[in-house]
Protein backbone atom coordinates (compact mmCIF):
# COMPACT_ATOMS: atom_id res chain seq x y z
CA MET A 1 -27.53 39.21 -44.88
CA LYS A 2 -29.29 36.41 -43.34
CA TYR A 3 -26.65 34.17 -45.07
CA THR A 4 -23.85 36.10 -43.15
CA LEU A 5 -25.48 36.10 -40.16
CA SER A 6 -25.61 31.96 -40.05
CA ILE A 7 -22.03 31.99 -41.05
CA LEU A 8 -21.02 34.35 -38.20
CA THR A 9 -23.36 32.30 -35.71
CA ALA A 10 -21.43 28.97 -36.91
CA LEU A 11 -18.29 30.62 -36.39
CA LEU A 12 -19.08 31.66 -32.97
CA LEU A 13 -20.36 28.14 -31.89
CA MET A 14 -17.25 26.62 -33.08
CA SER A 15 -14.89 29.06 -31.35
CA PHE A 16 -16.82 28.26 -27.84
CA THR A 17 -17.04 24.42 -28.55
CA PRO A 18 -14.19 22.98 -26.46
CA LYS A 19 -11.96 20.69 -28.15
CA GLU A 20 -12.00 17.21 -27.41
CA LYS A 21 -8.88 15.59 -25.98
CA ASN A 22 -8.34 12.53 -27.52
CA TYR A 23 -6.04 9.78 -26.59
CA ARG A 24 -4.47 7.20 -28.92
CA ILE A 25 -2.69 3.86 -27.44
CA ILE A 26 -0.69 2.25 -30.03
CA GLY A 27 0.34 -1.20 -28.52
CA GLN A 28 3.14 -3.76 -29.52
CA ALA A 29 2.52 -7.26 -27.50
CA LYS A 30 5.66 -9.58 -28.17
CA ASN A 31 5.06 -13.16 -27.97
CA ALA A 32 1.09 -12.43 -27.65
CA LYS A 33 -1.20 -15.40 -29.28
CA GLU A 34 -3.47 -14.01 -32.01
CA GLY A 35 -6.70 -12.71 -31.01
CA GLU A 36 -5.92 -12.28 -27.54
CA MET A 37 -7.67 -9.41 -25.94
CA VAL A 38 -6.42 -6.20 -24.26
CA TYR A 39 -8.50 -4.61 -21.96
CA LEU A 40 -8.29 -1.17 -20.45
CA LYS A 41 -10.09 -0.33 -17.03
CA VAL A 42 -10.61 2.73 -15.20
CA LEU A 43 -10.34 3.28 -11.46
CA ASP A 44 -13.59 4.42 -9.95
CA SER A 45 -12.98 6.67 -7.26
CA ASN A 46 -15.90 5.43 -4.93
CA THR A 47 -15.29 1.79 -4.77
CA HIS A 48 -11.79 1.75 -6.00
CA GLN A 49 -12.24 -0.92 -8.51
CA PHE A 50 -11.03 -1.08 -12.01
CA ILE A 51 -14.05 -0.70 -14.01
CA SER A 52 -14.12 -1.91 -17.98
CA LEU A 53 -13.76 0.85 -20.17
CA ASP A 54 -12.64 -0.90 -23.66
CA SER A 55 -11.09 -3.84 -25.31
CA THR A 56 -9.66 -5.04 -28.30
CA PRO A 57 -7.97 -8.12 -30.03
CA ILE A 58 -4.32 -8.60 -30.61
CA HIS A 59 -3.44 -8.90 -34.35
CA LYS A 60 0.02 -9.58 -35.38
CA GLU A 61 1.06 -8.82 -31.85
CA LYS A 62 -0.26 -5.11 -32.34
CA PHE A 63 -3.55 -3.29 -30.41
CA GLU A 64 -4.86 0.02 -30.74
CA PHE A 65 -7.13 2.12 -28.81
CA LYS A 66 -8.72 5.33 -29.41
CA GLY A 67 -10.86 7.57 -26.91
CA THR A 68 -11.65 10.87 -25.01
CA ALA A 69 -10.34 11.94 -21.68
CA GLU A 70 -11.34 15.58 -20.73
CA LYS A 71 -8.89 14.83 -17.59
CA PRO A 72 -6.26 12.46 -17.09
CA LEU A 73 -7.80 9.16 -15.97
CA TYR A 74 -5.72 6.70 -13.40
CA SER A 75 -6.13 3.38 -15.41
CA ILE A 76 -4.66 -0.08 -16.01
CA ILE A 77 -3.97 -1.83 -19.38
CA MET A 78 -4.29 -5.48 -18.87
CA LEU A 79 -4.19 -9.13 -20.44
CA SER A 80 -5.13 -10.77 -17.41
CA GLU A 81 -5.43 -10.24 -13.88
CA ASP A 82 -2.05 -11.05 -13.28
CA ASN A 83 -0.55 -9.23 -16.08
CA SER A 84 -1.36 -5.50 -16.12
CA ASP A 85 0.09 -2.16 -15.65
CA ILE A 86 -0.97 1.35 -15.05
CA ILE A 87 -1.28 3.70 -17.55
CA ILE A 88 -2.75 7.67 -17.80
CA LEU A 89 -5.27 7.86 -20.33
CA GLU A 90 -4.84 11.62 -21.37
CA GLU A 91 -4.43 13.73 -24.64
CA GLY A 92 -1.65 12.61 -27.02
CA THR A 93 -0.26 9.40 -28.61
CA ILE A 94 0.72 6.77 -25.97
CA ALA A 95 2.99 3.84 -27.00
CA VAL A 96 2.55 0.48 -25.00
CA ASP A 97 5.25 -2.31 -25.36
CA LEU A 98 4.75 -5.33 -23.48
CA ASN A 99 5.82 -8.92 -23.28
CA THR A 100 3.25 -11.61 -22.65
CA ASP A 101 6.00 -13.97 -21.20
CA ASN A 102 7.21 -11.23 -18.65
CA LEU A 103 4.92 -9.64 -16.71
CA ASP A 104 7.74 -6.62 -15.62
CA SER A 105 8.13 -6.03 -19.61
CA TYR A 106 5.42 -3.08 -19.71
CA ARG A 107 6.87 0.16 -21.08
CA ILE A 108 4.10 2.85 -21.39
CA LEU A 109 5.43 6.23 -22.91
CA GLY A 110 4.44 9.10 -25.28
CA THR A 111 2.22 11.85 -22.94
CA LYS A 112 3.71 13.75 -20.13
CA ASN A 113 2.02 11.84 -17.07
CA ASN A 114 2.59 8.31 -18.33
CA GLU A 115 6.59 9.77 -18.98
CA ASP A 116 6.84 10.81 -15.62
CA LEU A 117 5.45 7.80 -14.28
CA ASN A 118 7.97 5.52 -16.22
CA SER A 119 10.64 7.95 -15.03
CA PHE A 120 9.69 7.68 -11.22
CA TYR A 121 9.29 3.76 -11.49
CA SER A 122 13.00 3.18 -13.00
CA LYS A 123 14.36 4.92 -9.95
CA VAL A 124 12.48 3.02 -7.52
CA LYS A 125 12.80 -0.11 -9.06
CA LYS A 126 16.68 0.37 -9.30
CA TYR A 127 16.41 0.49 -5.55
CA GLN A 128 14.50 -2.29 -4.99
CA LYS A 129 16.27 -4.37 -7.08
CA GLU A 130 19.38 -3.39 -4.72
CA ALA A 131 17.06 -4.33 -1.79
CA LYS A 132 16.30 -7.53 -2.99
CA GLU A 133 20.00 -8.40 -3.93
CA TYR A 134 21.05 -7.51 -0.41
CA GLN A 135 17.91 -9.56 1.25
CA GLU A 136 19.25 -12.93 -1.06
CA LYS A 137 22.90 -12.25 -0.29
CA ASN A 138 22.27 -12.43 3.45
CA GLN A 139 19.36 -14.60 3.79
CA ASP A 140 21.47 -17.48 5.34
CA ALA A 141 22.90 -14.86 7.79
CA LEU A 142 19.47 -14.01 8.87
CA THR A 143 17.69 -17.16 9.06
CA SER A 144 20.85 -18.35 11.32
CA ALA A 145 20.57 -15.20 13.27
CA ILE A 146 17.08 -15.38 14.03
CA LYS A 147 17.70 -19.19 15.26
CA ASP A 148 20.44 -18.15 17.54
CA ASN A 149 18.80 -15.15 18.78
CA ASP A 150 21.95 -13.12 17.65
CA THR A 151 20.48 -9.80 18.20
CA ILE A 152 23.55 -8.12 17.20
CA THR A 153 23.45 -9.61 13.82
CA LEU A 154 19.82 -8.77 13.37
CA ARG A 155 20.38 -5.34 14.59
CA ARG A 156 23.52 -5.12 11.76
CA LEU A 157 21.49 -6.67 9.33
CA SER A 158 18.39 -4.44 10.19
CA ASN A 159 20.56 -1.51 9.94
CA GLU A 160 22.09 -1.90 6.46
CA PHE A 161 18.71 -2.95 5.01
CA LYS A 162 17.32 0.35 6.08
CA GLU A 163 19.65 2.17 3.92
CA TYR A 164 18.31 0.61 1.36
CA VAL A 165 14.63 1.48 2.39
CA GLU A 166 15.44 5.22 2.64
CA ASN A 167 16.93 5.22 -0.60
CA ILE A 168 13.38 4.36 -1.59
CA ASN A 169 11.75 6.47 0.81
CA ASN A 170 13.73 9.65 -0.07
CA THR A 171 12.78 9.03 -4.04
CA ILE A 172 8.82 8.69 -2.54
CA THR A 173 9.24 11.80 -0.53
CA THR A 174 11.01 14.17 -3.10
CA GLN A 175 8.30 13.07 -5.79
CA VAL A 176 5.43 14.21 -3.42
CA ASN A 177 6.94 17.22 -2.23
CA GLU A 178 8.55 18.77 -5.22
CA PHE A 179 6.04 17.81 -7.93
CA PRO A 180 2.82 18.89 -6.68
CA LYS A 181 1.33 18.99 -10.23
CA SER A 182 2.42 15.83 -11.47
CA LEU A 183 -0.14 12.93 -11.47
CA THR A 184 2.72 10.66 -10.27
CA SER A 185 2.71 12.31 -7.18
CA ALA A 186 -1.02 11.51 -6.49
CA ILE A 187 -0.20 7.96 -7.66
CA VAL A 188 2.25 7.72 -4.96
CA ILE A 189 -0.06 8.78 -2.11
CA TYR A 190 -3.07 6.70 -3.30
CA GLN A 191 -0.83 3.52 -3.73
CA ARG A 192 0.79 4.48 -0.05
CA LEU A 193 -2.68 4.62 1.42
CA GLN A 194 -3.80 1.74 -0.58
CA ASN A 195 -0.76 -0.43 0.95
CA ASN A 196 -1.37 1.41 4.56
CA ASN A 197 2.37 2.44 4.63
CA ILE A 198 1.60 6.14 5.25
CA ASP A 199 0.22 8.07 7.94
CA ILE A 200 -3.12 9.82 7.60
CA GLN A 201 -1.58 12.96 8.57
CA GLU A 202 1.01 12.99 6.45
CA ALA A 203 -1.02 11.67 3.64
CA THR A 204 -3.46 14.64 4.23
CA SER A 205 -0.65 17.08 4.13
CA PHE A 206 0.43 15.48 0.66
CA TYR A 207 -2.81 15.63 -0.60
CA ASN A 208 -3.60 19.55 0.53
CA ASN A 209 -0.26 20.23 -1.64
CA LEU A 210 -1.42 18.87 -4.88
CA ASN A 211 -2.69 20.95 -7.53
CA GLU A 212 -6.16 21.69 -8.17
CA ASP A 213 -5.80 20.18 -11.70
CA VAL A 214 -4.78 16.77 -10.03
CA LYS A 215 -7.39 16.99 -7.10
CA VAL A 216 -10.08 16.95 -9.61
CA THR A 217 -9.02 13.82 -11.47
CA ASN A 218 -10.74 10.71 -10.95
CA LEU A 219 -7.32 9.68 -8.67
CA GLY A 220 -7.44 12.81 -6.71
CA GLN A 221 -11.24 12.09 -5.73
CA ALA A 222 -10.30 8.46 -4.95
CA ILE A 223 -7.63 9.80 -2.57
CA LYS A 224 -10.06 12.57 -0.86
CA ASN A 225 -12.67 9.55 0.00
CA ILE A 226 -9.90 7.45 1.26
CA LEU A 227 -9.06 10.06 3.70
CA GLU A 228 -12.27 11.26 4.81
CA ARG A 229 -13.34 7.73 5.48
CA GLN A 230 -10.14 7.13 7.59
CA GLN A 231 -10.39 10.08 9.45
CA ALA A 232 -14.08 9.20 10.55
CA ALA A 233 -12.77 5.81 11.60
CA LYS A 234 -9.35 6.79 13.28
CA ILE A 235 -8.13 5.02 16.14
CA GLU A 236 -5.86 6.80 18.51
CA VAL A 237 -5.24 6.89 22.20
CA GLY A 238 -8.80 6.83 24.16
CA THR A 239 -10.81 4.75 21.46
CA LYS A 240 -12.29 1.68 21.92
CA VAL A 241 -10.76 -0.86 19.60
CA PRO A 242 -13.54 -2.68 17.21
CA THR A 243 -14.00 -6.34 17.37
CA ILE A 244 -11.09 -8.37 16.15
CA THR A 245 -11.17 -12.23 15.26
CA GLY A 246 -9.19 -14.24 13.19
CA PRO A 247 -8.01 -17.86 12.83
CA SER A 248 -5.21 -19.04 15.63
CA ILE A 249 -2.58 -21.58 15.30
CA ASN A 250 -5.08 -24.42 15.95
CA GLU A 251 -7.43 -23.19 13.17
CA LYS A 252 -9.78 -21.84 15.82
CA THR A 253 -11.60 -18.22 15.65
CA LEU A 254 -10.42 -16.14 18.77
CA ALA A 255 -11.94 -12.93 19.86
CA LEU A 256 -9.66 -10.16 21.18
CA GLN A 257 -12.81 -8.64 22.92
CA ASP A 258 -12.99 -12.51 24.68
CA ASN A 259 -9.52 -12.47 25.75
CA LEU A 260 -8.92 -8.88 27.43
CA GLY A 261 -7.02 -8.72 30.62
CA LYS A 262 -6.64 -6.20 32.88
CA VAL A 263 -4.17 -5.07 30.49
CA THR A 264 -3.66 -6.34 26.81
CA ILE A 265 -0.97 -5.81 24.42
CA LEU A 266 -2.45 -6.03 20.91
CA HIS A 267 0.67 -6.86 18.89
CA PHE A 268 0.93 -6.30 15.05
CA TRP A 269 3.91 -8.08 13.55
CA ALA A 270 5.03 -10.73 10.99
CA PRO A 271 7.37 -13.53 10.79
CA TRP A 272 9.42 -11.85 7.75
CA CYS A 273 10.09 -8.64 9.55
CA HIS A 274 13.49 -7.91 10.82
CA SER A 275 12.42 -5.14 13.22
CA CYS A 276 9.61 -7.37 15.05
CA HIS A 277 12.40 -10.57 15.28
CA GLU A 278 14.64 -7.65 17.14
CA THR A 279 11.95 -6.92 19.76
CA LEU A 280 10.04 -10.48 20.28
CA PRO A 281 12.78 -10.70 23.07
CA LYS A 282 11.16 -7.65 24.67
CA VAL A 283 7.49 -8.90 24.23
CA LYS A 284 8.54 -12.09 25.63
CA GLU A 285 10.25 -10.63 28.72
CA LEU A 286 6.56 -8.46 29.32
CA ASN A 287 4.64 -11.85 29.13
CA LYS A 288 7.11 -13.52 31.71
CA LYS A 289 7.03 -10.74 34.18
CA TYR A 290 3.24 -9.55 33.94
CA LYS A 291 1.05 -12.83 32.52
CA ASN A 292 0.21 -14.04 36.01
CA LYS A 293 -0.66 -10.34 37.18
CA GLY A 294 -3.45 -9.97 34.16
CA LEU A 295 -1.20 -8.89 31.55
CA LYS A 296 -2.64 -10.37 27.91
CA ILE A 297 -0.69 -10.32 24.84
CA PHE A 298 -2.74 -10.77 21.58
CA SER A 299 -0.79 -10.95 18.29
CA VAL A 300 -1.95 -10.31 15.01
CA GLY A 301 0.35 -12.12 12.30
CA LEU A 302 0.58 -10.19 9.12
CA THR A 303 1.59 -12.87 6.29
CA GLU A 304 0.11 -15.10 3.90
CA ASP A 305 2.46 -17.78 4.57
CA ILE A 306 0.85 -19.73 7.39
CA THR A 307 3.50 -22.36 7.72
CA ASP A 308 6.22 -20.02 8.24
CA TRP A 309 3.89 -17.82 10.80
CA LYS A 310 3.37 -21.21 12.73
CA ASN A 311 6.99 -22.35 12.77
CA THR A 312 7.88 -19.04 14.04
CA ILE A 313 5.62 -19.03 17.06
CA ASP A 314 6.40 -22.63 17.69
CA LYS A 315 10.51 -21.91 17.31
CA GLU A 316 10.41 -18.61 18.86
CA HIS A 317 8.33 -19.82 21.92
CA LEU A 318 5.68 -17.27 21.50
CA SER A 319 3.30 -18.60 24.13
CA TRP A 320 0.43 -16.21 24.03
CA LEU A 321 -2.60 -15.55 21.67
CA HIS A 322 -2.15 -15.45 18.16
CA ILE A 323 -4.28 -15.04 15.09
CA LEU A 324 -4.08 -14.19 11.46
CA ASP A 325 -4.94 -10.92 9.87
CA ILE A 326 -7.14 -12.13 7.32
CA GLN A 327 -9.55 -9.03 7.50
CA ASP A 328 -6.95 -6.28 7.07
CA TYR A 329 -7.30 -5.05 10.61
CA ALA A 330 -3.94 -3.76 9.93
CA ARG A 331 -5.42 -1.02 7.83
CA GLN A 332 -8.39 -0.28 9.84
CA PHE A 333 -5.90 0.33 12.79
CA GLY A 334 -3.59 2.75 10.67
CA VAL A 335 -0.64 0.31 10.94
CA ARG A 336 2.14 1.54 8.91
CA SER A 337 4.80 -0.33 9.91
CA ILE A 338 5.39 -3.16 12.19
CA PRO A 339 6.20 -4.17 14.93
CA THR A 340 3.10 -1.76 16.50
CA VAL A 341 1.48 -2.44 19.71
CA PHE A 342 -1.63 -1.21 21.17
CA VAL A 343 -1.49 -1.25 24.85
CA LEU A 344 -5.66 -1.58 26.06
CA ASP A 345 -7.02 -1.17 29.20
CA LYS A 346 -9.47 -3.81 30.59
CA ASN A 347 -12.43 -2.46 28.53
CA GLY A 348 -10.24 -2.38 25.20
CA VAL A 349 -9.86 1.30 25.18
CA VAL A 350 -6.46 2.41 23.98
CA LEU A 351 -4.17 3.58 26.38
CA ASP A 352 -0.85 3.78 24.17
CA ILE A 353 0.23 3.07 20.66
CA ASN A 354 3.99 2.78 19.95
CA HIS A 355 6.91 0.19 18.18
CA LEU A 356 8.12 -0.95 21.32
CA GLU A 357 10.68 1.62 21.06
CA LYS A 358 10.06 2.74 24.64
CA ASN A 359 9.94 1.02 28.06
CA LEU A 360 6.29 -0.26 28.74
CA ASP A 361 6.51 -1.44 32.27
CA THR A 362 5.40 1.99 34.42
CA LEU A 363 2.30 1.95 32.27
CA ILE A 364 1.65 -1.80 32.57
CA GLU A 365 2.14 -1.63 36.46
CA ALA A 366 -0.24 1.32 36.70
CA GLN A 367 -3.16 -0.50 35.16
CA LEU A 368 -2.35 -3.90 37.02
CA SER A 369 -2.53 -2.02 40.18
CA LYS A 370 -5.93 -0.62 39.78
């Protein structure tokens, strides 16, 4: 009797022991050096850094990982800092094919979330390729239009390019709206938040629409943490802007708070931005019209090409204050697209936020008359 009870107890314990959700990664690394290391890193939802999980050497251009993931884990598989790709660690067998000579060669398939992500990226990359081909084909025309201040050509090129951007945006929006159970939708939200090209209200709406199974993953928690932080630090009309400093074209440090006028236009832009070049005549006109009456313009350049930034300022005769955004102020200010301007009063309080799509004269004149 005691023996029978022991068996029943064992069977009951087995019945209530949750099955481990194991993954197995089978990798092929073409042209890899013998013994070269492959690393698995998992996103930390609080620090937003990828932390080491596992590593293995490549042997005869092959490698393998095994592990357990109770929930899908947003991770990366990497050979080096500049040679990595996203992988979702989840139950099942995951096939990874990569070529060490081609950083865009990763193919990660085999489980649902990895298959979904691969399908989504294939669509986006197709449109990105078309956009890049258009840019390359029309680069000379763009350069000439900028040089000649040919606003008609600039507007045409901008409108044509926007069609390619809309194809990408529509693919992204469809993914997030129609597939709330897919981890790919969460990846889209997270990457757009990281790249600072989504409004916090829109991101919150997308996040709220996600399935609970997605929200409890490390990626879902990471999105939640970003949204909570941005809500707490949101800059809007009526907010006093935080301190902004950066290197000027003369490599001297400039601070916005030391250069406030009766009215100040805080202008986020970039020399590579078509729409920015379209609106520069409007900024120049405002500067010419009001600079002797108390208006100041403080431009923040979003670019890594310092030479291009300086050359554009010189060629376009942008005769106001400029700094480079080396401290990611655009993200802090919630700038999703450029140009974006914050119109500030004499104390640095935000009066208006726009993209130079409307007339600012009335607002500026009202402040200057005080």
